[in-house]
Protein backbone atom coordinates (compact mmCIF):
# COMPACT_ATOMS: atom_id res chain seq x y z
CA UNK A 1 0.00 0.00 0.00
CA UNK A 2 1.33 3.46 -0.96
CA UNK A 3 0.51 6.50 1.18
CA UNK A 4 0.85 9.96 -0.32
CA UNK A 5 0.64 13.22 1.54
CA UNK A 6 -1.91 15.93 0.78
CA UNK A 7 -1.03 19.59 0.42
CA UNK A 8 -1.82 22.74 -1.48
CA UNK A 9 1.08 24.80 -2.80
CA UNK A 10 -0.80 28.09 -2.50
CA UNK A 11 -1.37 27.49 1.22
CA UNK A 12 2.35 26.96 1.76
CA UNK A 13 3.26 30.04 -0.25
CA UNK A 14 0.60 32.49 0.92
CA UNK A 15 -1.85 31.43 3.65
CA UNK A 16 0.60 30.59 6.40
CA UNK A 17 2.57 33.82 5.94
CA UNK A 18 -0.61 35.87 5.68
CA UNK A 19 -1.80 34.47 9.01
CA UNK A 20 1.55 35.01 10.72
CA UNK A 21 2.27 38.51 9.38
CA UNK A 22 -0.42 39.79 7.00
CA UNK A 23 1.22 43.16 6.34
CA UNK A 24 4.60 41.71 5.39
CA UNK A 25 5.54 42.68 1.84
CA UNK A 26 5.31 39.68 -0.49
CA UNK A 27 5.90 41.30 -3.88
CA UNK A 28 7.69 44.43 -5.05
CA UNK A 29 6.63 45.11 -8.62
CA UNK A 30 9.35 47.11 -10.37
CA UNK A 31 7.47 48.31 -13.43
CA UNK A 32 9.00 49.26 -16.75
CA UNK A 33 9.57 52.90 -15.80
CA UNK A 34 12.20 53.36 -13.06
CA UNK A 35 10.67 54.31 -9.74
CA UNK A 36 7.19 53.14 -10.72
CA UNK A 37 6.80 50.57 -7.96
CA UNK A 38 3.89 48.69 -6.46
CA UNK A 39 4.13 46.71 -3.22
CA UNK A 40 1.77 43.85 -2.40
CA UNK A 41 1.43 42.44 1.12
CA UNK A 42 0.76 38.79 1.88
CA UNK A 43 -2.81 39.74 2.81
CA UNK A 44 -3.32 41.52 -0.51
CA UNK A 45 -1.79 38.61 -2.43
CA UNK A 46 -4.07 36.21 -0.54
CA UNK A 47 -7.16 38.16 -1.49
CA UNK A 48 -6.04 38.64 -5.11
CA UNK A 49 -5.28 34.92 -5.45
CA UNK A 50 -8.61 33.85 -3.98
CA UNK A 51 -10.67 36.25 -6.08
CA UNK A 52 -8.98 34.92 -9.20
CA UNK A 53 -9.40 31.30 -8.10
CA UNK A 54 -13.11 31.94 -7.60
CA UNK A 55 -13.37 33.46 -11.08
CA UNK A 56 -11.84 30.32 -12.56
CA UNK A 57 -14.16 28.07 -10.57
CA UNK A 58 -17.16 30.19 -11.53
CA UNK A 59 -16.36 29.52 -15.18
CA UNK A 60 -16.25 25.77 -14.64
CA UNK A 61 -12.48 25.32 -14.41
CA UNK A 62 -11.67 22.43 -12.14
CA UNK A 63 -8.88 20.23 -10.84
CA UNK A 64 -6.79 18.90 -13.71
CA UNK A 65 -7.79 21.55 -16.29
CA UNK A 66 -4.76 23.28 -17.81
CA UNK A 67 -4.79 27.09 -17.80
CA UNK A 68 -2.46 28.98 -20.15
CA UNK A 69 -0.99 32.23 -18.75
CA UNK A 70 0.43 34.73 -21.27
CA UNK A 71 1.02 37.85 -19.20
CA UNK A 72 3.53 40.56 -18.32
CA UNK A 73 5.55 40.16 -15.13
CA UNK A 74 3.12 41.53 -12.53
CA UNK A 75 1.37 40.71 -9.25
CA UNK A 76 -1.68 39.58 -11.23
CA UNK A 77 0.46 37.08 -13.11
CA UNK A 78 1.77 35.67 -9.81
CA UNK A 79 -1.79 35.58 -8.45
CA UNK A 80 -2.89 33.71 -11.59
CA UNK A 81 -0.25 31.03 -11.02
CA UNK A 82 -1.22 30.69 -7.36
CA UNK A 83 -4.95 30.70 -8.18
CA UNK A 84 -4.41 27.74 -10.49
CA UNK A 85 -2.51 25.96 -7.72
CA UNK A 86 -5.36 26.83 -5.33
CA UNK A 87 -7.96 24.92 -7.34
CA UNK A 88 -5.65 22.19 -8.66
CA UNK A 89 -5.57 23.42 -12.25
CA UNK A 90 -2.07 23.04 -13.73
CA UNK A 91 -0.79 26.28 -15.26
CA UNK A 92 1.23 26.63 -18.43
CA UNK A 93 2.99 30.00 -18.44
CA UNK A 94 4.14 31.19 -21.85
CA UNK A 95 6.73 33.97 -22.10
CA UNK A 96 4.94 37.15 -23.17
CA UNK A 97 7.56 37.80 -25.85
CA UNK A 98 6.71 34.66 -27.81
CA UNK A 99 4.84 34.83 -31.10
CA UNK A 100 1.19 33.91 -31.63
CA UNK A 101 2.33 30.71 -33.40
CA UNK A 102 4.44 29.68 -30.40
CA UNK A 103 1.55 30.44 -28.08
CA UNK A 104 -0.93 28.47 -30.19
CA UNK A 105 1.32 25.41 -30.30
CA UNK A 106 1.56 25.38 -26.51
CA UNK A 107 -2.17 25.90 -26.01
CA UNK A 108 -3.03 23.06 -28.35
CA UNK A 109 -0.43 20.66 -27.00
CA UNK A 110 -1.69 21.15 -23.43
CA UNK A 111 -5.37 21.02 -24.48
CA UNK A 112 -5.89 24.26 -22.57
CA UNK A 113 -9.42 25.64 -22.70
CA UNK A 114 -8.56 28.81 -20.76
CA UNK A 115 -6.11 31.64 -21.47
CA UNK A 116 -5.24 34.52 -19.12
CA UNK A 117 -3.59 37.52 -20.76
CA UNK A 118 -3.35 41.33 -20.70
CA UNK A 119 -4.20 44.11 -23.09
CA UNK A 120 -0.54 44.98 -23.68
CA UNK A 121 2.94 44.46 -22.27
CA UNK A 122 5.58 47.12 -21.55
CA UNK A 123 9.24 46.22 -21.85
CA UNK A 124 12.14 48.60 -22.29
CA UNK A 125 9.88 51.52 -23.13
CA UNK A 126 8.22 49.56 -25.92
CA UNK A 127 4.64 48.31 -26.11
CA UNK A 128 3.75 44.76 -27.10
CA UNK A 129 0.27 43.83 -28.25
CA UNK A 130 -0.53 40.81 -26.09
CA UNK A 131 -4.28 40.65 -26.71
CA UNK A 132 -3.67 40.90 -30.43
CA UNK A 133 -1.25 37.97 -30.20
CA UNK A 134 -3.79 35.94 -28.22
CA UNK A 135 -6.54 36.63 -30.77
CA UNK A 136 -4.30 35.29 -33.54
CA UNK A 137 -3.35 32.26 -31.47
CA UNK A 138 -6.91 31.43 -30.41
CA UNK A 139 -8.01 31.48 -34.05
CA UNK A 140 -5.83 28.38 -34.44
CA UNK A 141 -6.95 26.81 -31.14
CA UNK A 142 -10.48 25.40 -31.48
CA UNK A 143 -10.41 24.05 -27.92
CA UNK A 144 -10.20 27.46 -26.22
CA UNK A 145 -13.46 28.37 -24.50
CA UNK A 146 -12.54 31.54 -22.60
CA UNK A 147 -9.93 34.30 -22.49
CA UNK A 148 -9.53 36.48 -19.39
CA UNK A 149 -8.03 39.88 -20.16
CA UNK A 150 -6.33 42.07 -17.56
CA UNK A 151 -5.56 45.77 -18.01
CA UNK A 152 -1.85 46.63 -18.01
CA UNK A 153 -1.95 49.87 -20.01
CA UNK A 154 -5.69 50.50 -20.31
CA UNK A 155 -5.52 50.20 -24.08
CA UNK A 156 -8.79 49.81 -25.96
CA UNK A 157 -8.51 46.26 -27.29
CA UNK A 158 -11.21 44.29 -29.13
CA UNK A 159 -13.23 41.99 -26.89
CA UNK A 160 -14.99 39.05 -28.50
CA UNK A 161 -17.52 36.54 -27.27
CA UNK A 162 -14.81 34.40 -25.61
CA UNK A 163 -13.25 37.38 -23.80
CA UNK A 164 -13.87 38.43 -20.19
CA UNK A 165 -12.40 41.47 -18.36
CA UNK A 166 -10.59 39.85 -15.46
CA UNK A 167 -10.55 42.76 -13.01
CA UNK A 168 -14.33 43.14 -13.32
CA UNK A 169 -14.83 39.42 -12.81
CA UNK A 170 -12.55 39.45 -9.76
CA UNK A 171 -14.35 42.41 -8.17
CA UNK A 172 -17.51 40.29 -7.96
CA UNK A 173 -15.83 37.39 -6.14
CA UNK A 174 -15.13 36.56 -2.51
CA UNK A 175 -11.68 36.96 -1.02
CA UNK A 176 -11.95 33.44 0.40
CA UNK A 177 -11.51 30.23 -1.57
CA UNK A 178 -11.13 26.78 -0.08
CA UNK A 179 -7.87 25.21 -1.30
CA UNK A 180 -8.06 21.92 -3.19
CA UNK A 181 -6.25 19.07 -1.39
CA UNK A 182 -3.62 17.77 -3.78
CA UNK A 183 -1.60 14.56 -3.86
CA UNK A 184 2.14 15.05 -3.67
CA UNK A 185 2.55 13.78 -7.25
CA UNK A 186 -0.34 15.70 -8.84
CA UNK A 187 0.75 18.10 -11.59
CA UNK A 188 1.49 21.65 -10.44
CA UNK A 189 2.48 23.12 -13.80
CA UNK A 190 3.63 22.53 -17.36
CA UNK A 191 6.44 24.56 -18.84
CA UNK A 192 7.47 24.21 -22.45
CA UNK A 193 11.08 24.01 -23.55
CA UNK A 194 12.36 23.60 -27.08
CA UNK A 195 15.24 21.40 -25.92
CA UNK A 196 17.40 20.04 -28.72
CA UNK A 197 14.65 19.31 -31.24
CA UNK A 198 13.25 22.79 -31.80
CA UNK A 199 9.77 21.46 -31.06
CA UNK A 200 8.20 22.61 -27.78
CA UNK A 201 8.05 19.87 -25.17
CA UNK A 202 5.97 20.22 -22.03
CA UNK A 203 7.96 19.55 -18.86
CA UNK A 204 5.78 18.54 -15.92
CA UNK A 205 6.56 19.47 -12.32
CA UNK A 206 4.47 18.10 -9.49
CA UNK A 207 3.47 19.41 -6.08
CA UNK A 208 5.40 18.39 -2.99
CA UNK A 209 8.86 17.51 -4.25
CA UNK A 210 9.11 20.57 -6.47
CA UNK A 211 7.96 22.95 -3.74
CA UNK A 212 10.33 21.50 -1.14
CA UNK A 213 13.25 21.71 -3.56
CA UNK A 214 12.36 25.28 -4.54
CA UNK A 215 12.11 26.29 -0.88
CA UNK A 216 15.37 24.70 0.23
CA UNK A 217 17.50 25.76 -2.72
CA UNK A 218 16.24 29.33 -2.43
CA UNK A 219 17.04 29.38 1.26
CA UNK A 220 20.48 27.75 1.20
CA UNK A 221 21.94 28.70 -2.19
CA UNK A 222 21.07 32.39 -1.72
CA UNK A 223 21.55 32.40 2.05
CA UNK A 224 18.09 33.91 2.39
CA UNK A 225 17.37 35.36 5.83
CA UNK A 226 14.02 36.64 7.13
CA UNK A 227 13.59 40.29 6.23
CA UNK A 228 15.81 40.15 3.14
CA UNK A 229 14.67 41.75 -0.10
CA UNK A 230 15.38 39.15 -2.75
CA UNK A 231 15.71 40.20 -6.40
CA UNK A 232 15.65 37.73 -9.27
CA UNK A 233 15.23 39.59 -12.57
CA UNK A 234 14.01 36.59 -14.61
CA UNK A 235 10.67 36.63 -16.42
CA UNK A 236 7.95 34.39 -15.00
CA UNK A 237 7.76 32.74 -18.43
CA UNK A 238 10.96 30.82 -17.66
CA UNK A 239 11.65 28.13 -15.07
CA UNK A 240 13.87 30.60 -13.18
CA UNK A 241 10.85 32.85 -12.77
CA UNK A 242 8.70 29.97 -11.56
CA UNK A 243 11.16 28.67 -8.98
CA UNK A 244 13.17 31.69 -7.87
CA UNK A 245 10.74 34.58 -8.39
CA UNK A 246 7.51 32.91 -7.27
CA UNK A 247 7.45 29.53 -5.54
CA UNK A 248 10.78 29.36 -3.70
CA UNK A 249 10.77 32.90 -2.25
CA UNK A 250 7.07 32.88 -1.36
CA UNK A 251 7.31 29.49 0.34
CA UNK A 252 10.06 31.03 2.50
CA UNK A 253 7.90 34.06 3.28
CA UNK A 254 10.30 36.35 1.44
CA UNK A 255 9.84 39.72 -0.21
CA UNK A 256 10.48 38.98 -3.89
CA UNK A 257 11.02 41.53 -6.66
CA UNK A 258 9.08 41.32 -9.94
CA UNK A 259 11.14 43.01 -12.66
CA UNK A 260 9.14 44.05 -15.72
CA UNK A 261 11.79 45.97 -17.66
CA UNK A 262 15.17 45.33 -19.33
CA UNK A 263 18.75 45.74 -18.00
CA UNK A 264 19.51 48.70 -20.28
CA UNK A 265 16.32 50.75 -19.95
CA UNK A 266 16.59 53.68 -19.70
CA UNK A 267 20.36 53.15 -19.43
CA UNK A 268 22.85 50.44 -18.38
CA UNK A 269 22.53 51.46 -14.73
CA UNK A 270 18.95 50.20 -14.38
CA UNK A 271 19.73 47.15 -12.24
CA UNK A 272 21.99 49.02 -9.84
CA UNK A 273 19.68 52.02 -9.47
CA UNK A 274 16.97 49.52 -8.56
CA UNK A 275 19.28 47.82 -6.05
CA UNK A 276 19.88 51.18 -4.33
CA UNK A 277 16.25 52.23 -4.33
CA UNK A 278 14.74 48.90 -3.21
CA UNK A 279 17.67 47.94 -0.92
CA UNK A 280 18.00 44.52 -2.55
CA UNK A 281 20.07 41.96 -0.61
CA UNK A 282 20.40 39.11 -3.12
CA UNK A 283 20.59 39.76 -6.86
CA UNK A 284 20.14 36.87 -9.34
CA UNK A 285 20.68 37.60 -13.03
CA UNK A 286 21.90 36.12 -16.32
CA UNK A 287 25.48 36.07 -17.66
CA UNK A 288 24.14 37.41 -20.98
CA UNK A 289 23.01 40.61 -19.26
CA UNK A 290 26.22 40.86 -17.23
CA UNK A 291 28.37 40.59 -20.38
CA UNK A 292 26.22 43.28 -22.01
CA UNK A 293 26.53 45.65 -19.05
CA UNK A 294 30.28 45.30 -18.57
CA UNK A 295 30.74 46.87 -22.03
CA UNK A 296 29.42 50.15 -20.59
CA UNK A 297 31.27 52.53 -18.30
CA UNK A 298 31.69 51.35 -14.71
CA UNK A 299 30.18 54.68 -13.67
CA UNK A 300 26.75 53.20 -14.43
CA UNK A 301 27.43 50.87 -11.49
CA UNK A 302 29.55 52.87 -9.09
CA UNK A 303 27.31 55.93 -8.91
CA UNK A 304 24.70 53.84 -7.09
CA UNK A 305 24.83 52.60 -3.50
CA UNK A 306 25.07 48.81 -3.55
CA UNK A 307 25.86 48.38 0.13
CA UNK A 308 22.62 46.44 0.68
CA UNK A 309 23.89 43.59 -1.52
CA UNK A 310 25.01 40.49 0.36
CA UNK A 311 25.15 37.99 -2.49
CA UNK A 312 25.19 37.87 -6.29
CA UNK A 313 24.00 35.00 -8.45
CA UNK A 314 24.04 33.93 -12.08
CA UNK A 315 21.73 31.61 -14.00
CA UNK A 316 21.55 30.42 -17.58
CA UNK A 317 24.61 29.73 -19.67
CA UNK A 318 28.05 29.52 -18.00
CA UNK A 319 29.57 32.83 -16.93
CA UNK A 320 33.05 33.47 -18.32
CA UNK A 321 35.95 34.63 -16.13
CA UNK A 322 35.96 38.23 -17.40
CA UNK A 323 32.26 38.72 -16.63
CA UNK A 324 32.62 36.93 -13.29
CA UNK A 325 35.45 39.25 -12.18
CA UNK A 326 33.55 42.38 -13.26
CA UNK A 327 30.44 41.17 -11.43
CA UNK A 328 32.47 40.35 -8.30
CA UNK A 329 34.92 43.25 -8.28
CA UNK A 330 32.82 46.15 -9.59
CA UNK A 331 29.19 45.27 -8.83
CA UNK A 332 29.86 43.37 -5.61
CA UNK A 333 32.80 45.54 -4.48
CA UNK A 334 34.82 42.35 -3.86
CA UNK A 335 32.70 41.54 -0.81
CA UNK A 336 29.69 39.62 -2.21
CA UNK A 337 30.01 35.88 -2.88
CA UNK A 338 28.82 34.80 -6.32
CA UNK A 339 26.67 31.67 -6.63
CA UNK A 340 27.23 30.54 -10.22
CA UNK A 341 24.30 28.15 -10.61
CA UNK A 342 23.68 25.38 -13.14
CA UNK A 343 20.34 23.68 -13.68
CA UNK A 344 17.62 23.11 -16.29
CA UNK A 345 13.89 23.43 -16.89
CA UNK A 346 13.73 19.68 -16.43
CA UNK A 347 15.29 19.75 -12.95
CA UNK A 348 13.06 22.54 -11.67
CA UNK A 349 15.76 23.89 -9.38
CA UNK A 350 19.49 24.43 -8.93
CA UNK A 351 21.68 21.33 -9.22
CA UNK A 352 25.20 22.80 -9.10
CA UNK A 353 26.27 25.87 -7.15
CA UNK A 354 28.99 26.96 -4.75
CA UNK A 355 27.52 27.53 -1.32
CA UNK A 356 27.69 31.13 -0.07
CA UNK A 357 31.15 31.23 1.48
CA UNK A 358 32.64 33.04 4.49
CA UNK A 359 34.73 36.10 3.72
CA UNK A 360 38.00 34.19 4.07
CA UNK A 361 37.02 31.37 1.69
CA UNK A 362 38.38 31.53 -1.87
CA UNK A 363 35.92 32.14 -4.69
CA UNK A 364 36.49 30.44 -8.02
CA UNK A 365 35.24 31.77 -11.37
CA UNK A 366 33.52 29.27 -13.68
CA UNK A 367 32.89 26.87 -10.80
CA UNK A 368 29.70 25.35 -12.22
CA UNK A 369 31.20 24.81 -15.67
CA UNK A 370 34.12 22.88 -14.23
CA UNK A 371 31.91 20.95 -11.83
CA UNK A 372 29.59 19.95 -14.68
CA UNK A 373 32.51 18.70 -16.77
CA UNK A 374 33.76 16.72 -13.79
CA UNK A 375 30.30 15.16 -13.25
CA UNK A 376 30.05 14.21 -16.92
CA UNK A 377 33.51 12.67 -16.85
CA UNK A 378 32.63 10.62 -13.76
CA UNK A 379 29.33 9.43 -15.24
CA UNK A 380 31.04 8.30 -18.44
CA UNK A 381 33.49 6.21 -16.44
Foldseek 3Di string as FASTA:
>chain_A
DDDFAWDFLLCLQAVVLCVVPVQAWAEWECAADGPPIDTAGSVRLLLLLQLLLVLCVVVPDAAAAEEEEQEFQDSNSLSNLSSCSQRNHAYEYAYNVDALVVVLLVCQVRLHQEYEYECWADALNDIGGRVVSPVVSVVSVVSHQAYEYEYDPPDDDDADPRYDDSVVSSVPGGSDDHGDIDTQFRWSYWYWDCPPPNRTDTATDGHDVLLVQLQVCLCWQQVDDPPAEAEEADTCNFLCCVRVQHRRQSSVVHYHYGYRYDCQVVHVLRVQQCCQVVLHAEYEEELVSLVVSVVDDLCSQVVHDNVSYAAYEYEDDAHDPVSVCCCCCRNVVVHHAYWYFDDHSNVSDTDDTDTGDPSPDDHDGRVVVVVVVVVVVVVVD
